[in-house]
Amino acid sequence: MKVWTKIHITDKNKDINTISNSLTNYLYGYGPILDIARKYNIDNKDMAALNNYTLNRIAGILMLYLANDNHRINDIVNKYNFNTDMIDEIIPEIEGYINKESK
């Protein structure tokens, strides 16, 4: 059986810069973005711009989350809820999602 492990952002762990940087690295550290960068010869300056853009967006969402501003998060979700015909299926992939034997 798959279960979620619980992770909480505590008061001592609200360093938005560190968390945003870690999440950006989590998104781009491995996977197709590296292959795409090599395939299309995307240089380090452009990759840095992409990483910085992503980091800033994550930081903004994180600030809203920590402020419990669900209204503004909802506004973002509604504004950017585009048609996703090119995506077959969304399968959540999160570290911390673990297999646990059922008893």
C-alpha atoms as a PDB file:
ATOM      1  CA  MET A   1       0.000   0.000   0.000  1.00  0.00           C
ATOM      2  CA  LYS A   2       1.283   3.487  -0.773  1.00  0.00           C
ATOM      3  CA  VAL A   3       1.057   6.106   1.961  1.00  0.00           C
ATOM      4  CA  TRP A   4       2.095   9.720   2.342  1.00  0.00           C
ATOM      5  CA  THR A   5       4.783  10.635   4.784  1.00  0.00           C
ATOM      6  CA  LYS A   6       3.916  13.868   6.529  1.00  0.00           C
ATOM      7  CA  ILE A   7       6.248  16.818   6.163  1.00  0.00           C
ATOM      8  CA  HIS A   8       5.502  20.173   7.770  1.00  0.00           C
ATOM      9  CA  ILE A   9       7.115  23.522   7.183  1.00  0.00           C
ATOM     10  CA  THR A  10       7.833  24.613  10.720  1.00  0.00           C
ATOM     11  CA  ASP A  11       8.616  28.096  12.002  1.00  0.00           C
ATOM     12  CA  LYS A  12      12.331  27.376  12.001  1.00  0.00           C
ATOM     13  CA  ASN A  13      12.151  26.085   8.418  1.00  0.00           C
ATOM     14  CA  LYS A  14      10.495  29.045   6.661  1.00  0.00           C
ATOM     15  CA  ASP A  15      13.580  30.188   4.761  1.00  0.00           C
ATOM     16  CA  ILE A  16      11.812  30.893   1.473  1.00  0.00           C
ATOM     17  CA  ASN A  17      15.051  31.261  -0.504  1.00  0.00           C
ATOM     18  CA  THR A  18      16.373  27.867   0.562  1.00  0.00           C
ATOM     19  CA  ILE A  19      13.059  26.099   0.058  1.00  0.00           C
ATOM     20  CA  SER A  20      12.474  27.708  -3.367  1.00  0.00           C
ATOM     21  CA  ASN A  21      15.994  26.847  -4.480  1.00  0.00           C
ATOM     22  CA  SER A  22      15.608  23.252  -3.310  1.00  0.00           C
ATOM     23  CA  LEU A  23      12.274  22.854  -5.103  1.00  0.00           C
ATOM     24  CA  THR A  24      13.695  24.336  -8.314  1.00  0.00           C
ATOM     25  CA  ASN A  25      16.589  21.887  -8.140  1.00  0.00           C
ATOM     26  CA  TYR A  26      14.074  19.109  -7.476  1.00  0.00           C
ATOM     27  CA  LEU A  27      12.141  20.074 -10.613  1.00  0.00           C
ATOM     28  CA  TYR A  28      15.127  20.566 -12.932  1.00  0.00           C
ATOM     29  CA  GLY A  29      17.919  18.545 -11.312  1.00  0.00           C
ATOM     30  CA  TYR A  30      17.182  15.399 -13.262  1.00  0.00           C
ATOM     31  CA  GLY A  31      14.891  14.451 -16.065  1.00  0.00           C
ATOM     32  CA  PRO A  32      14.079  15.759 -19.502  1.00  0.00           C
ATOM     33  CA  ILE A  33      15.142  19.377 -18.942  1.00  0.00           C
ATOM     34  CA  LEU A  34      18.814  18.371 -19.118  1.00  0.00           C
ATOM     35  CA  ASP A  35      18.242  16.396 -22.316  1.00  0.00           C
ATOM     36  CA  ILE A  36      16.348  19.318 -23.840  1.00  0.00           C
ATOM     37  CA  ALA A  37      19.128  21.748 -22.900  1.00  0.00           C
ATOM     38  CA  ARG A  38      21.723  19.520 -24.593  1.00  0.00           C
ATOM     39  CA  LYS A  39      19.560  18.795 -27.640  1.00  0.00           C
ATOM     40  CA  TYR A  40      18.872  22.462 -28.370  1.00  0.00           C
ATOM     41  CA  ASN A  41      22.227  23.781 -27.136  1.00  0.00           C
ATOM     42  CA  ILE A  42      20.674  25.927 -24.427  1.00  0.00           C
ATOM     43  CA  ASP A  43      23.547  27.717 -22.759  1.00  0.00           C
ATOM     44  CA  ASN A  44      24.124  28.159 -19.028  1.00  0.00           C
ATOM     45  CA  LYS A  45      22.932  31.784 -19.107  1.00  0.00           C
ATOM     46  CA  ASP A  46      19.536  30.759 -20.505  1.00  0.00           C
ATOM     47  CA  MET A  47      19.262  27.845 -18.075  1.00  0.00           C
ATOM     48  CA  ALA A  48      20.053  30.234 -15.222  1.00  0.00           C
ATOM     49  CA  ALA A  49      17.267  32.548 -16.438  1.00  0.00           C
ATOM     50  CA  LEU A  50      14.819  29.615 -16.533  1.00  0.00           C
ATOM     51  CA  ASN A  51      15.876  28.467 -13.059  1.00  0.00           C
ATOM     52  CA  ASN A  52      15.587  32.019 -11.682  1.00  0.00           C
ATOM     53  CA  TYR A  53      12.115  32.462 -13.195  1.00  0.00           C
ATOM     54  CA  THR A  54      10.970  29.164 -11.676  1.00  0.00           C
ATOM     55  CA  LEU A  55      12.580  29.953  -8.323  1.00  0.00           C
ATOM     56  CA  ASN A  56      10.791  33.332  -8.174  1.00  0.00           C
ATOM     57  CA  ARG A  57       7.415  31.761  -9.003  1.00  0.00           C
ATOM     58  CA  ILE A  58       7.857  29.041  -6.375  1.00  0.00           C
ATOM     59  CA  ALA A  59       8.894  31.663  -3.798  1.00  0.00           C
ATOM     60  CA  GLY A  60       5.759  33.667  -4.524  1.00  0.00           C
ATOM     61  CA  ILE A  61       3.466  30.669  -4.168  1.00  0.00           C
ATOM     62  CA  LEU A  62       5.293  29.601  -1.020  1.00  0.00           C
ATOM     63  CA  MET A  63       4.837  33.057   0.508  1.00  0.00           C
ATOM     64  CA  LEU A  64       1.107  32.882  -0.212  1.00  0.00           C
ATOM     65  CA  TYR A  65       0.964  29.378   1.291  1.00  0.00           C
ATOM     66  CA  LEU A  66       2.785  30.425   4.459  1.00  0.00           C
ATOM     67  CA  ALA A  67       0.475  33.431   4.786  1.00  0.00           C
ATOM     68  CA  ASN A  68      -2.541  31.108   4.398  1.00  0.00           C
ATOM     69  CA  ASP A  69      -3.670  33.262   1.454  1.00  0.00           C
ATOM     70  CA  ASN A  70      -5.764  30.564  -0.206  1.00  0.00           C
ATOM     71  CA  HIS A  71      -7.811  33.166  -2.073  1.00  0.00           C
ATOM     72  CA  ARG A  72      -4.787  34.395  -4.059  1.00  0.00           C
ATOM     73  CA  ILE A  73      -3.555  30.834  -4.640  1.00  0.00           C
ATOM     74  CA  ASN A  74      -7.024  30.021  -5.999  1.00  0.00           C
ATOM     75  CA  ASP A  75      -6.818  33.073  -8.280  1.00  0.00           C
ATOM     76  CA  ILE A  76      -3.524  31.779  -9.717  1.00  0.00           C
ATOM     77  CA  VAL A  77      -4.982  28.310 -10.261  1.00  0.00           C
ATOM     78  CA  ASN A  78      -8.032  29.716 -12.034  1.00  0.00           C
ATOM     79  CA  LYS A  79      -6.022  32.141 -14.176  1.00  0.00           C
ATOM     80  CA  TYR A  80      -3.531  29.506 -15.354  1.00  0.00           C
ATOM     81  CA  ASN A  81      -5.907  26.567 -15.774  1.00  0.00           C
ATOM     82  CA  PHE A  82      -5.136  26.188 -19.491  1.00  0.00           C
ATOM     83  CA  ASN A  83      -6.231  23.394 -21.759  1.00  0.00           C
ATOM     84  CA  THR A  84      -3.678  20.575 -21.509  1.00  0.00           C
ATOM     85  CA  ASP A  85      -4.423  18.510 -24.617  1.00  0.00           C
ATOM     86  CA  MET A  86      -0.714  17.685 -25.025  1.00  0.00           C
ATOM     87  CA  ILE A  87      -0.568  15.973 -21.620  1.00  0.00           C
ATOM     88  CA  ASP A  88      -1.815  12.387 -21.568  1.00  0.00           C
ATOM     89  CA  GLU A  89      -2.025  11.828 -17.845  1.00  0.00           C
ATOM     90  CA  ILE A  90      -0.826  13.569 -14.711  1.00  0.00           C
ATOM     91  CA  ILE A  91       0.863  11.189 -12.307  1.00  0.00           C
ATOM     92  CA  PRO A  92       2.003  12.871  -9.078  1.00  0.00           C
ATOM     93  CA  GLU A  93       5.675  12.211  -8.483  1.00  0.00           C
ATOM     94  CA  ILE A  94       6.792  13.288  -5.051  1.00  0.00           C
ATOM     95  CA  GLU A  95       9.695  12.128  -2.971  1.00  0.00           C
ATOM     96  CA  GLY A  96       8.320  10.938   0.350  1.00  0.00           C
ATOM     97  CA  TYR A  97       5.614   8.826  -1.296  1.00  0.00           C
ATOM     98  CA  ILE A  98       6.653   5.421  -0.052  1.00  0.00           C
ATOM     99  CA  ASN A  99       5.596   1.801  -0.286  1.00  0.00           C
ATOM    100  CA  LYS A 100       4.440   0.327   2.992  1.00  0.00           C
ATOM    101  CA  GLU A 101       3.407  -3.254   3.487  1.00  0.00           C
ATOM    102  CA  SER A 102      -0.177  -3.622   4.582  1.00  0.00           C
ATOM    103  CA  LYS A 103      -0.717  -5.761   7.646  1.00  0.00           C
END
